[in-house]
N, C-alpha and C. Protein backbone atom coordinates (compact mmCIF):
# COMPACT_ATOMS: atom_id res chain seq x y z
N MET A 1 79.36 29.92 85.07
CA MET A 1 78.91 29.84 83.69
C MET A 1 79.05 28.39 83.20
N LEU A 2 77.96 27.83 82.70
CA LEU A 2 77.95 26.44 82.25
C LEU A 2 78.01 26.43 80.72
N LEU A 3 79.15 25.99 80.19
CA LEU A 3 79.33 25.95 78.74
C LEU A 3 79.28 24.52 78.21
N GLU A 4 78.85 24.38 76.97
CA GLU A 4 78.89 23.10 76.24
C GLU A 4 78.06 22.00 76.91
N ARG A 5 76.98 22.40 77.56
CA ARG A 5 76.12 21.41 78.20
C ARG A 5 74.66 21.52 77.74
N GLN A 6 74.37 22.35 76.75
CA GLN A 6 72.99 22.51 76.29
C GLN A 6 72.39 21.22 75.73
N PRO A 7 73.13 20.43 74.92
CA PRO A 7 72.54 19.18 74.42
C PRO A 7 72.12 18.25 75.55
N GLN A 8 72.95 18.15 76.60
CA GLN A 8 72.61 17.28 77.73
C GLN A 8 71.38 17.81 78.47
N LEU A 9 71.33 19.11 78.68
CA LEU A 9 70.18 19.69 79.37
C LEU A 9 68.89 19.50 78.57
N GLN A 10 68.97 19.67 77.27
CA GLN A 10 67.78 19.48 76.43
C GLN A 10 67.31 18.03 76.47
N GLN A 11 68.26 17.09 76.47
CA GLN A 11 67.88 15.68 76.55
C GLN A 11 67.23 15.37 77.90
N MET A 12 67.77 15.93 78.96
CA MET A 12 67.18 15.73 80.29
C MET A 12 65.80 16.36 80.38
N ASP A 13 65.62 17.53 79.78
CA ASP A 13 64.30 18.16 79.74
C ASP A 13 63.28 17.24 79.07
N ALA A 14 63.67 16.63 77.95
CA ALA A 14 62.77 15.75 77.21
C ALA A 14 62.42 14.51 78.02
N LEU A 15 63.40 13.96 78.71
CA LEU A 15 63.15 12.77 79.53
C LEU A 15 62.26 13.09 80.73
N LEU A 16 62.42 14.27 81.30
CA LEU A 16 61.55 14.69 82.39
C LEU A 16 60.12 14.85 81.89
N ALA A 17 59.97 15.42 80.69
CA ALA A 17 58.63 15.57 80.10
C ALA A 17 57.98 14.20 79.91
N ASP A 18 58.77 13.21 79.50
CA ASP A 18 58.26 11.85 79.36
C ASP A 18 57.78 11.31 80.71
N ALA A 19 58.58 11.55 81.76
CA ALA A 19 58.21 11.07 83.09
C ALA A 19 56.93 11.73 83.57
N ILE A 20 56.80 13.01 83.33
CA ILE A 20 55.58 13.72 83.71
C ILE A 20 54.37 13.11 83.01
N GLY A 21 54.59 12.63 81.79
CA GLY A 21 53.53 11.99 81.03
C GLY A 21 53.32 10.53 81.36
N GLY A 22 54.09 9.97 82.30
CA GLY A 22 53.89 8.60 82.72
C GLY A 22 54.88 7.60 82.15
N ARG A 23 55.98 8.08 81.56
CA ARG A 23 57.02 7.18 81.04
C ARG A 23 58.31 7.46 81.79
N GLY A 24 58.46 6.83 82.94
CA GLY A 24 59.63 7.07 83.76
C GLY A 24 60.88 6.38 83.23
N ARG A 25 62.03 6.88 83.63
CA ARG A 25 63.31 6.29 83.22
C ARG A 25 64.38 6.58 84.27
N ILE A 26 65.49 5.85 84.13
CA ILE A 26 66.71 6.17 84.85
C ILE A 26 67.64 6.90 83.90
N VAL A 27 68.17 8.03 84.33
CA VAL A 27 69.15 8.78 83.55
C VAL A 27 70.48 8.69 84.28
N VAL A 28 71.49 8.18 83.60
CA VAL A 28 72.82 8.02 84.20
C VAL A 28 73.75 9.06 83.59
N VAL A 29 74.17 10.02 84.40
CA VAL A 29 75.08 11.08 83.96
C VAL A 29 76.51 10.61 84.27
N LEU A 30 77.28 10.41 83.22
CA LEU A 30 78.60 9.79 83.34
C LEU A 30 79.71 10.75 82.94
N GLY A 31 80.80 10.72 83.66
CA GLY A 31 81.97 11.53 83.32
C GLY A 31 83.09 11.26 84.29
N GLU A 32 84.29 11.66 83.93
CA GLU A 32 85.40 11.45 84.84
C GLU A 32 85.29 12.38 86.04
N ALA A 33 86.04 12.09 87.09
CA ALA A 33 86.02 12.94 88.28
C ALA A 33 86.35 14.38 87.90
N GLY A 34 85.49 15.31 88.31
CA GLY A 34 85.72 16.72 88.01
C GLY A 34 85.20 17.17 86.67
N ALA A 35 84.52 16.30 85.93
CA ALA A 35 84.05 16.68 84.60
C ALA A 35 82.91 17.69 84.64
N GLY A 36 82.20 17.75 85.75
CA GLY A 36 81.10 18.70 85.87
C GLY A 36 79.74 18.04 85.96
N LYS A 37 79.70 16.81 86.44
CA LYS A 37 78.41 16.09 86.56
C LYS A 37 77.47 16.80 87.52
N THR A 38 77.99 17.17 88.69
CA THR A 38 77.15 17.83 89.68
C THR A 38 76.70 19.19 89.19
N ALA A 39 77.57 19.91 88.51
CA ALA A 39 77.18 21.21 87.95
C ALA A 39 76.04 21.05 86.95
N LEU A 40 76.08 19.97 86.17
CA LEU A 40 75.00 19.71 85.21
C LEU A 40 73.70 19.42 85.96
N VAL A 41 73.78 18.62 87.01
CA VAL A 41 72.58 18.33 87.80
C VAL A 41 72.01 19.61 88.40
N GLU A 42 72.88 20.47 88.93
CA GLU A 42 72.42 21.74 89.51
C GLU A 42 71.74 22.62 88.46
N ALA A 43 72.33 22.67 87.27
CA ALA A 43 71.74 23.47 86.20
C ALA A 43 70.38 22.92 85.80
N PHE A 44 70.26 21.60 85.75
CA PHE A 44 68.98 20.98 85.42
C PHE A 44 67.95 21.27 86.51
N ALA A 45 68.36 21.16 87.76
CA ALA A 45 67.44 21.42 88.87
C ALA A 45 66.92 22.85 88.86
N SER A 46 67.76 23.77 88.43
CA SER A 46 67.35 25.18 88.40
C SER A 46 66.27 25.45 87.35
N ARG A 47 66.08 24.51 86.42
CA ARG A 47 65.08 24.68 85.36
C ARG A 47 63.73 24.07 85.72
N LEU A 48 63.63 23.39 86.86
CA LEU A 48 62.41 22.67 87.20
C LEU A 48 61.29 23.62 87.58
N ASP A 49 60.07 23.20 87.25
CA ASP A 49 58.89 23.95 87.67
C ASP A 49 58.71 23.80 89.18
N ASP A 50 58.14 24.81 89.81
CA ASP A 50 57.96 24.79 91.26
C ASP A 50 57.08 23.63 91.72
N GLY A 51 56.17 23.19 90.88
CA GLY A 51 55.23 22.15 91.29
C GLY A 51 55.79 20.74 91.23
N LEU A 52 57.01 20.57 90.75
CA LEU A 52 57.57 19.23 90.61
C LEU A 52 58.38 18.87 91.84
N THR A 53 58.19 17.65 92.34
CA THR A 53 58.91 17.19 93.52
C THR A 53 60.31 16.73 93.15
N MET A 54 61.30 17.21 93.88
CA MET A 54 62.68 16.79 93.69
C MET A 54 63.23 16.30 95.02
N LEU A 55 63.71 15.06 95.04
CA LEU A 55 64.28 14.46 96.24
C LEU A 55 65.73 14.11 95.94
N ARG A 56 66.65 14.53 96.82
CA ARG A 56 68.08 14.39 96.52
C ARG A 56 68.77 13.49 97.53
N SER A 57 69.80 12.79 97.03
CA SER A 57 70.59 11.91 97.89
C SER A 57 71.98 11.76 97.28
N ALA A 58 72.87 11.13 98.05
CA ALA A 58 74.22 10.90 97.55
C ALA A 58 74.83 9.71 98.27
N CYS A 59 75.73 9.02 97.58
CA CYS A 59 76.54 7.96 98.18
C CYS A 59 77.83 8.59 98.69
N GLU A 60 78.35 8.05 99.77
CA GLU A 60 79.55 8.60 100.39
C GLU A 60 80.72 7.64 100.23
N ASP A 61 81.93 8.20 100.15
CA ASP A 61 83.15 7.41 100.01
C ASP A 61 83.62 6.95 101.39
N LEU A 62 82.88 6.01 101.96
CA LEU A 62 83.19 5.49 103.29
C LEU A 62 83.88 4.14 103.17
N SER A 63 84.72 3.79 104.14
CA SER A 63 85.39 2.49 104.10
C SER A 63 84.38 1.36 104.17
N ILE A 64 83.30 1.56 104.95
CA ILE A 64 82.20 0.60 105.01
C ILE A 64 80.92 1.41 104.80
N PRO A 65 80.38 1.43 103.59
CA PRO A 65 79.20 2.26 103.32
C PRO A 65 78.01 1.85 104.17
N ASP A 66 77.23 2.84 104.61
CA ASP A 66 75.99 2.55 105.33
C ASP A 66 74.99 1.93 104.36
N PRO A 67 74.33 0.84 104.76
CA PRO A 67 73.34 0.24 103.87
C PRO A 67 72.23 1.23 103.52
N LEU A 68 71.97 1.35 102.23
CA LEU A 68 70.87 2.19 101.75
C LEU A 68 70.96 3.64 102.21
N GLY A 69 72.18 4.14 102.30
CA GLY A 69 72.35 5.54 102.69
C GLY A 69 71.54 6.51 101.84
N PRO A 70 71.56 6.40 100.50
CA PRO A 70 70.77 7.31 99.68
C PRO A 70 69.27 7.21 99.95
N LEU A 71 68.78 6.00 100.26
CA LEU A 71 67.35 5.86 100.54
C LEU A 71 66.97 6.62 101.80
N HIS A 72 67.88 6.68 102.79
CA HIS A 72 67.65 7.50 103.98
C HIS A 72 67.47 8.96 103.57
N ASP A 73 68.35 9.44 102.69
CA ASP A 73 68.26 10.84 102.24
C ASP A 73 66.94 11.11 101.53
N LEU A 74 66.57 10.22 100.62
CA LEU A 74 65.33 10.40 99.85
C LEU A 74 64.12 10.36 100.77
N ALA A 75 64.14 9.42 101.73
CA ALA A 75 63.02 9.31 102.66
C ALA A 75 62.89 10.57 103.51
N ARG A 76 64.04 11.11 103.93
CA ARG A 76 64.01 12.34 104.75
C ARG A 76 63.35 13.48 103.97
N ASP A 77 63.74 13.63 102.71
CA ASP A 77 63.15 14.69 101.88
C ASP A 77 61.65 14.45 101.65
N ALA A 78 61.28 13.16 101.58
CA ALA A 78 59.88 12.82 101.30
C ALA A 78 59.03 12.75 102.58
N HIS A 79 59.66 12.98 103.76
CA HIS A 79 58.96 12.90 105.05
C HIS A 79 58.36 11.50 105.25
N TRP A 80 59.17 10.51 104.94
CA TRP A 80 58.76 9.11 105.05
C TRP A 80 59.69 8.42 106.06
N GLU A 81 59.13 7.77 107.05
CA GLU A 81 59.93 7.15 108.10
C GLU A 81 60.34 5.74 107.71
N LEU A 82 61.63 5.50 107.66
CA LEU A 82 62.17 4.19 107.34
C LEU A 82 62.36 3.36 108.61
N PRO A 83 62.47 2.03 108.46
CA PRO A 83 62.85 1.21 109.63
C PRO A 83 64.16 1.70 110.21
N ARG A 84 64.31 1.62 111.50
CA ARG A 84 65.48 2.17 112.17
C ARG A 84 66.78 1.45 111.79
N VAL A 85 66.70 0.14 111.59
CA VAL A 85 67.92 -0.64 111.33
C VAL A 85 67.76 -1.35 109.99
N LEU A 86 68.19 -0.69 108.94
CA LEU A 86 68.00 -1.26 107.61
C LEU A 86 68.98 -2.39 107.31
N ASP A 87 70.06 -2.49 108.07
CA ASP A 87 71.00 -3.57 107.81
C ASP A 87 70.65 -4.84 108.60
N ASP A 88 69.58 -4.77 109.39
CA ASP A 88 69.12 -5.96 110.11
C ASP A 88 68.56 -6.97 109.11
N ARG A 89 68.96 -8.21 109.25
CA ARG A 89 68.49 -9.24 108.31
C ARG A 89 66.99 -9.49 108.41
N GLN A 90 66.38 -9.02 109.50
CA GLN A 90 64.93 -9.19 109.64
C GLN A 90 64.15 -8.20 108.78
N VAL A 91 64.82 -7.16 108.30
CA VAL A 91 64.15 -6.18 107.45
C VAL A 91 64.07 -6.75 106.03
N GLN A 92 62.87 -6.97 105.56
CA GLN A 92 62.67 -7.51 104.22
C GLN A 92 62.77 -6.37 103.20
N ARG A 93 63.75 -6.46 102.33
CA ARG A 93 64.02 -5.32 101.46
C ARG A 93 63.02 -5.18 100.31
N LEU A 94 62.51 -6.29 99.77
CA LEU A 94 61.57 -6.15 98.66
C LEU A 94 60.31 -5.40 99.07
N PRO A 95 59.69 -5.71 100.20
CA PRO A 95 58.55 -4.90 100.64
C PRO A 95 58.95 -3.44 100.89
N LEU A 96 60.17 -3.23 101.43
CA LEU A 96 60.64 -1.87 101.67
C LEU A 96 60.79 -1.12 100.36
N PHE A 97 61.39 -1.76 99.36
CA PHE A 97 61.56 -1.12 98.06
C PHE A 97 60.21 -0.84 97.41
N SER A 98 59.28 -1.77 97.57
CA SER A 98 57.95 -1.57 97.00
C SER A 98 57.25 -0.38 97.65
N GLU A 99 57.41 -0.26 98.96
CA GLU A 99 56.82 0.88 99.66
C GLU A 99 57.47 2.18 99.20
N ALA A 100 58.80 2.16 99.01
CA ALA A 100 59.50 3.35 98.52
C ALA A 100 58.95 3.78 97.17
N LEU A 101 58.75 2.81 96.29
CA LEU A 101 58.20 3.13 94.97
C LEU A 101 56.83 3.79 95.10
N ASP A 102 55.98 3.25 95.99
CA ASP A 102 54.66 3.83 96.19
C ASP A 102 54.75 5.24 96.76
N VAL A 103 55.67 5.45 97.71
CA VAL A 103 55.83 6.77 98.32
C VAL A 103 56.26 7.80 97.28
N PHE A 104 57.26 7.45 96.47
CA PHE A 104 57.77 8.40 95.49
C PHE A 104 56.76 8.65 94.37
N GLU A 105 56.06 7.60 93.95
CA GLU A 105 55.06 7.78 92.90
C GLU A 105 53.90 8.64 93.40
N ALA A 106 53.57 8.54 94.67
CA ALA A 106 52.48 9.33 95.23
C ALA A 106 52.79 10.83 95.25
N LYS A 107 54.06 11.17 95.09
CA LYS A 107 54.45 12.59 95.06
C LYS A 107 54.05 13.27 93.76
N GLY A 108 53.48 12.50 92.82
CA GLY A 108 53.20 13.05 91.50
C GLY A 108 54.47 13.00 90.68
N PRO A 109 54.56 13.74 89.57
CA PRO A 109 55.83 13.77 88.84
C PRO A 109 56.98 14.07 89.78
N CYS A 110 57.99 13.19 89.78
CA CYS A 110 59.01 13.25 90.83
C CYS A 110 60.39 13.02 90.23
N LEU A 111 61.34 13.86 90.60
CA LEU A 111 62.73 13.70 90.21
C LEU A 111 63.51 13.22 91.43
N LEU A 112 64.09 12.01 91.31
CA LEU A 112 64.96 11.48 92.34
C LEU A 112 66.40 11.63 91.89
N VAL A 113 67.28 12.05 92.76
CA VAL A 113 68.69 12.21 92.43
C VAL A 113 69.54 11.37 93.38
N ILE A 114 70.41 10.53 92.80
CA ILE A 114 71.41 9.80 93.59
C ILE A 114 72.77 10.14 92.99
N GLU A 115 73.57 10.89 93.72
CA GLU A 115 74.89 11.25 93.21
C GLU A 115 75.94 10.25 93.65
N ASP A 116 76.97 10.10 92.78
CA ASP A 116 78.15 9.27 93.07
C ASP A 116 77.78 7.82 93.33
N LEU A 117 77.03 7.22 92.41
CA LEU A 117 76.59 5.84 92.60
C LEU A 117 77.77 4.86 92.61
N HIS A 118 78.93 5.28 92.10
CA HIS A 118 80.11 4.42 92.14
C HIS A 118 80.56 4.12 93.57
N TRP A 119 80.06 4.86 94.56
CA TRP A 119 80.38 4.60 95.97
C TRP A 119 79.25 3.84 96.67
N ALA A 120 78.27 3.37 95.93
CA ALA A 120 77.09 2.77 96.55
C ALA A 120 77.39 1.41 97.18
N ASP A 121 76.66 1.08 98.23
CA ASP A 121 76.70 -0.25 98.81
C ASP A 121 75.82 -1.18 97.98
N ASP A 122 75.91 -2.47 98.25
CA ASP A 122 75.16 -3.45 97.46
C ASP A 122 73.66 -3.25 97.58
N ALA A 123 73.18 -2.90 98.78
CA ALA A 123 71.74 -2.73 98.97
C ALA A 123 71.20 -1.56 98.13
N THR A 124 71.97 -0.48 98.02
CA THR A 124 71.55 0.65 97.19
C THR A 124 71.49 0.24 95.72
N LEU A 125 72.47 -0.53 95.28
CA LEU A 125 72.43 -1.01 93.90
C LEU A 125 71.23 -1.93 93.68
N ASP A 126 70.88 -2.71 94.69
CA ASP A 126 69.67 -3.54 94.60
C ASP A 126 68.43 -2.66 94.45
N PHE A 127 68.39 -1.56 95.19
CA PHE A 127 67.25 -0.64 95.09
C PHE A 127 67.17 -0.03 93.69
N VAL A 128 68.30 0.34 93.14
CA VAL A 128 68.31 0.91 91.79
C VAL A 128 67.82 -0.13 90.78
N ARG A 129 68.28 -1.39 90.92
CA ARG A 129 67.79 -2.46 90.05
C ARG A 129 66.27 -2.60 90.16
N PHE A 130 65.79 -2.66 91.40
CA PHE A 130 64.36 -2.83 91.65
C PHE A 130 63.56 -1.72 90.98
N LEU A 131 63.97 -0.48 91.23
CA LEU A 131 63.25 0.66 90.68
C LEU A 131 63.36 0.68 89.16
N GLY A 132 64.54 0.36 88.64
CA GLY A 132 64.75 0.40 87.20
C GLY A 132 63.88 -0.56 86.43
N ARG A 133 63.56 -1.70 87.04
CA ARG A 133 62.72 -2.69 86.37
C ARG A 133 61.25 -2.33 86.38
N ARG A 134 60.88 -1.33 87.18
CA ARG A 134 59.48 -0.96 87.34
C ARG A 134 59.19 0.49 86.98
N ILE A 135 60.21 1.22 86.61
CA ILE A 135 60.08 2.68 86.48
C ILE A 135 59.32 3.12 85.23
N ALA A 136 59.24 2.26 84.22
CA ALA A 136 58.67 2.67 82.94
C ALA A 136 57.24 3.16 83.05
N ASN A 137 56.47 2.58 83.97
CA ASN A 137 55.05 2.94 84.10
C ASN A 137 54.80 3.89 85.25
N THR A 138 55.80 4.67 85.61
CA THR A 138 55.67 5.63 86.71
C THR A 138 55.87 7.06 86.19
N HIS A 139 55.71 8.00 87.10
CA HIS A 139 55.97 9.42 86.80
C HIS A 139 57.29 9.84 87.46
N ILE A 140 58.23 8.90 87.57
CA ILE A 140 59.50 9.13 88.26
C ILE A 140 60.65 9.19 87.26
N LEU A 141 61.50 10.18 87.42
CA LEU A 141 62.77 10.24 86.71
C LEU A 141 63.87 10.09 87.76
N LEU A 142 64.63 9.01 87.67
CA LEU A 142 65.75 8.79 88.59
C LEU A 142 67.03 9.24 87.91
N LEU A 143 67.65 10.27 88.45
CA LEU A 143 68.86 10.85 87.88
C LEU A 143 70.05 10.42 88.74
N ILE A 144 70.98 9.71 88.11
CA ILE A 144 72.15 9.16 88.79
C ILE A 144 73.41 9.78 88.21
N THR A 145 74.40 10.07 89.06
CA THR A 145 75.71 10.45 88.55
C THR A 145 76.71 9.35 88.92
N ALA A 146 77.66 9.11 88.03
CA ALA A 146 78.67 8.08 88.28
C ALA A 146 79.90 8.40 87.44
N ARG A 147 81.04 7.94 87.92
CA ARG A 147 82.29 8.15 87.20
C ARG A 147 82.47 7.10 86.09
N THR A 148 83.35 7.45 85.16
CA THR A 148 83.61 6.55 84.04
C THR A 148 84.96 5.85 84.16
N ASP A 149 85.57 5.91 85.34
CA ASP A 149 86.86 5.23 85.49
C ASP A 149 86.65 3.71 85.52
N ARG A 150 87.73 2.98 85.63
CA ARG A 150 87.65 1.52 85.62
C ARG A 150 87.80 0.95 87.04
N SER A 151 87.27 1.68 88.01
CA SER A 151 87.33 1.23 89.39
C SER A 151 86.33 0.10 89.62
N GLU A 152 86.50 -0.60 90.72
CA GLU A 152 85.57 -1.67 91.06
C GLU A 152 84.16 -1.12 91.26
N GLY A 153 84.07 0.08 91.88
CA GLY A 153 82.76 0.68 92.09
C GLY A 153 82.03 0.94 90.78
N GLN A 154 82.76 1.46 89.79
CA GLN A 154 82.13 1.75 88.51
C GLN A 154 81.71 0.46 87.81
N MET A 155 82.51 -0.58 87.94
CA MET A 155 82.17 -1.86 87.35
C MET A 155 80.89 -2.43 87.97
N ARG A 156 80.74 -2.25 89.29
CA ARG A 156 79.53 -2.71 89.97
C ARG A 156 78.31 -1.94 89.49
N VAL A 157 78.48 -0.64 89.29
CA VAL A 157 77.39 0.17 88.74
C VAL A 157 77.00 -0.33 87.36
N ARG A 158 77.98 -0.61 86.53
CA ARG A 158 77.71 -1.08 85.17
C ARG A 158 76.96 -2.41 85.20
N ARG A 159 77.37 -3.31 86.08
CA ARG A 159 76.67 -4.60 86.17
C ARG A 159 75.23 -4.41 86.61
N ALA A 160 75.02 -3.54 87.61
CA ALA A 160 73.67 -3.30 88.11
C ALA A 160 72.77 -2.72 87.03
N LEU A 161 73.26 -1.73 86.32
CA LEU A 161 72.46 -1.11 85.27
C LEU A 161 72.22 -2.07 84.10
N GLY A 162 73.17 -2.99 83.90
CA GLY A 162 73.01 -3.96 82.82
C GLY A 162 71.90 -4.95 83.07
N GLU A 163 71.41 -5.04 84.31
CA GLU A 163 70.33 -5.95 84.65
C GLU A 163 68.97 -5.27 84.60
N ILE A 164 68.94 -4.02 84.13
CA ILE A 164 67.70 -3.26 83.97
C ILE A 164 67.35 -3.23 82.49
N PRO A 165 66.08 -3.35 82.11
CA PRO A 165 65.71 -3.29 80.69
C PRO A 165 66.33 -2.07 80.00
N ALA A 166 66.94 -2.31 78.85
CA ALA A 166 67.71 -1.25 78.18
C ALA A 166 66.88 -0.01 77.90
N GLY A 167 65.61 -0.18 77.61
CA GLY A 167 64.76 0.96 77.30
C GLY A 167 64.45 1.83 78.49
N ASN A 168 64.77 1.35 79.69
CA ASN A 168 64.49 2.11 80.91
C ASN A 168 65.68 2.94 81.38
N VAL A 169 66.81 2.81 80.71
CA VAL A 169 68.04 3.50 81.13
C VAL A 169 68.57 4.34 79.98
N VAL A 170 68.85 5.60 80.26
CA VAL A 170 69.42 6.51 79.27
C VAL A 170 70.75 7.02 79.79
N ARG A 171 71.78 6.88 78.98
CA ARG A 171 73.12 7.34 79.36
C ARG A 171 73.37 8.73 78.78
N ILE A 172 73.86 9.64 79.61
CA ILE A 172 74.24 10.98 79.16
C ILE A 172 75.69 11.22 79.57
N ASP A 173 76.55 11.40 78.60
CA ASP A 173 77.96 11.61 78.88
C ASP A 173 78.26 13.10 79.10
N VAL A 174 79.14 13.37 80.04
CA VAL A 174 79.61 14.73 80.31
C VAL A 174 81.07 14.80 79.87
N PRO A 175 81.33 15.30 78.67
CA PRO A 175 82.72 15.33 78.18
C PRO A 175 83.52 16.44 78.84
N LEU A 176 84.82 16.36 78.65
CA LEU A 176 85.69 17.45 79.10
C LEU A 176 85.40 18.71 78.29
N LEU A 177 85.71 19.86 78.85
CA LEU A 177 85.50 21.12 78.14
C LEU A 177 86.49 21.23 76.99
N SER A 178 86.03 21.79 75.89
CA SER A 178 86.91 22.01 74.75
C SER A 178 87.85 23.18 75.04
N GLU A 179 88.87 23.29 74.22
CA GLU A 179 89.81 24.41 74.40
C GLU A 179 89.09 25.75 74.23
N SER A 180 88.17 25.83 73.28
CA SER A 180 87.47 27.09 73.05
C SER A 180 86.63 27.49 74.27
N ALA A 181 86.03 26.50 74.93
CA ALA A 181 85.24 26.80 76.12
C ALA A 181 86.13 27.31 77.25
N VAL A 182 87.28 26.67 77.43
CA VAL A 182 88.21 27.11 78.47
C VAL A 182 88.72 28.51 78.17
N LEU A 183 89.04 28.78 76.91
CA LEU A 183 89.50 30.12 76.53
C LEU A 183 88.44 31.16 76.81
N SER A 184 87.17 30.81 76.55
CA SER A 184 86.07 31.74 76.81
C SER A 184 85.94 32.04 78.30
N LEU A 185 86.01 31.01 79.13
CA LEU A 185 85.93 31.21 80.57
C LEU A 185 87.11 32.04 81.09
N ALA A 186 88.29 31.74 80.56
CA ALA A 186 89.49 32.46 80.99
C ALA A 186 89.43 33.93 80.58
N ALA A 187 88.91 34.18 79.39
CA ALA A 187 88.80 35.57 78.92
C ALA A 187 87.89 36.39 79.83
N THR A 188 86.80 35.77 80.29
CA THR A 188 85.88 36.45 81.19
C THR A 188 86.58 36.82 82.50
N ALA A 189 87.48 35.94 82.94
CA ALA A 189 88.22 36.17 84.18
C ALA A 189 89.54 36.89 83.94
N GLU A 190 89.81 37.26 82.70
CA GLU A 190 91.05 37.95 82.32
C GLU A 190 92.27 37.13 82.72
N ARG A 191 92.24 35.83 82.39
CA ARG A 191 93.35 34.93 82.69
C ARG A 191 93.89 34.33 81.39
N ASP A 192 95.05 33.67 81.48
CA ASP A 192 95.70 33.05 80.32
C ASP A 192 94.99 31.73 80.02
N GLY A 193 94.11 31.76 79.02
CA GLY A 193 93.31 30.58 78.70
C GLY A 193 94.12 29.40 78.21
N GLU A 194 95.14 29.65 77.41
CA GLU A 194 95.94 28.55 76.88
C GLU A 194 96.68 27.83 78.01
N ALA A 195 97.20 28.58 78.95
CA ALA A 195 97.91 27.97 80.09
C ALA A 195 96.94 27.16 80.95
N ILE A 196 95.76 27.69 81.15
CA ILE A 196 94.77 26.99 81.97
C ILE A 196 94.31 25.71 81.26
N TYR A 197 94.14 25.78 79.96
CA TYR A 197 93.72 24.58 79.23
C TYR A 197 94.81 23.50 79.28
N ARG A 198 96.06 23.92 79.12
CA ARG A 198 97.16 22.94 79.19
C ARG A 198 97.22 22.28 80.56
N ALA A 199 97.00 23.07 81.61
CA ALA A 199 97.11 22.55 82.97
C ALA A 199 95.91 21.70 83.36
N SER A 200 94.75 21.98 82.80
CA SER A 200 93.52 21.30 83.21
C SER A 200 93.08 20.20 82.27
N ALA A 201 93.54 20.25 81.00
CA ALA A 201 93.10 19.31 79.97
C ALA A 201 91.58 19.33 79.79
N GLY A 202 90.95 20.43 80.15
CA GLY A 202 89.51 20.56 79.96
C GLY A 202 88.67 20.02 81.10
N ASN A 203 89.31 19.56 82.18
CA ASN A 203 88.57 19.08 83.34
C ASN A 203 87.92 20.28 84.04
N ALA A 204 86.59 20.28 84.13
CA ALA A 204 85.87 21.44 84.62
C ALA A 204 86.27 21.82 86.04
N PHE A 205 86.52 20.83 86.90
CA PHE A 205 86.91 21.11 88.28
C PHE A 205 88.24 21.85 88.31
N PHE A 206 89.22 21.36 87.56
CA PHE A 206 90.53 21.99 87.56
C PHE A 206 90.49 23.36 86.89
N VAL A 207 89.66 23.51 85.87
CA VAL A 207 89.50 24.82 85.25
C VAL A 207 89.00 25.84 86.29
N THR A 208 87.99 25.43 87.05
CA THR A 208 87.43 26.33 88.08
C THR A 208 88.47 26.66 89.13
N GLU A 209 89.24 25.65 89.58
CA GLU A 209 90.27 25.88 90.58
C GLU A 209 91.35 26.83 90.08
N LEU A 210 91.77 26.63 88.83
CA LEU A 210 92.83 27.46 88.28
C LEU A 210 92.35 28.89 88.05
N LEU A 211 91.10 29.04 87.65
CA LEU A 211 90.56 30.40 87.46
C LEU A 211 90.44 31.13 88.79
N ALA A 212 90.20 30.37 89.85
CA ALA A 212 90.02 31.00 91.17
C ALA A 212 91.37 31.25 91.86
N ALA A 213 92.42 30.63 91.39
CA ALA A 213 93.72 30.75 92.05
C ALA A 213 94.29 32.15 91.92
């Protein structure tokens, strides 16, 4: 059960409608770890029309991130073959990014998802910058999730997004669950809502874990 997320879903619906009409944007879904960013993305995806293309990807928490890992995921979903060695200095990234934009735009109205951008490598952030500067005149909605902590990864995300025209980026915050929401979820599961709220502080991940315990 997804509570207290209707305003965010309605805003995302409106931005998708804009993209379908030819006004693309980047949507950055922000929240602390466990706040429910992925659950919000899943709920949004479940509302999509069958005719809309959705391509999904994610950044991984690796000690040395693979260059352009999310672009590999997106290309796989789009049935687009990438160069075999993207970290080779002979691979020119601007032509590659331009081709990616053409491939995704050719899909018609298209939702791209990159989860956990705070773990992205520099090349992925370059791709987001590239796309963000050109997305306004496309039918693409790029949906990104990222944490709001003060880690180096989050700071790099902030710098990258700051280099994109402000009108092309929309921030959507995912707040912690209120006490009333936690009490409602606990009541459905016949659990002690006040105890669960105290233990979780409204963090959606911990609420789910405690309800399942």
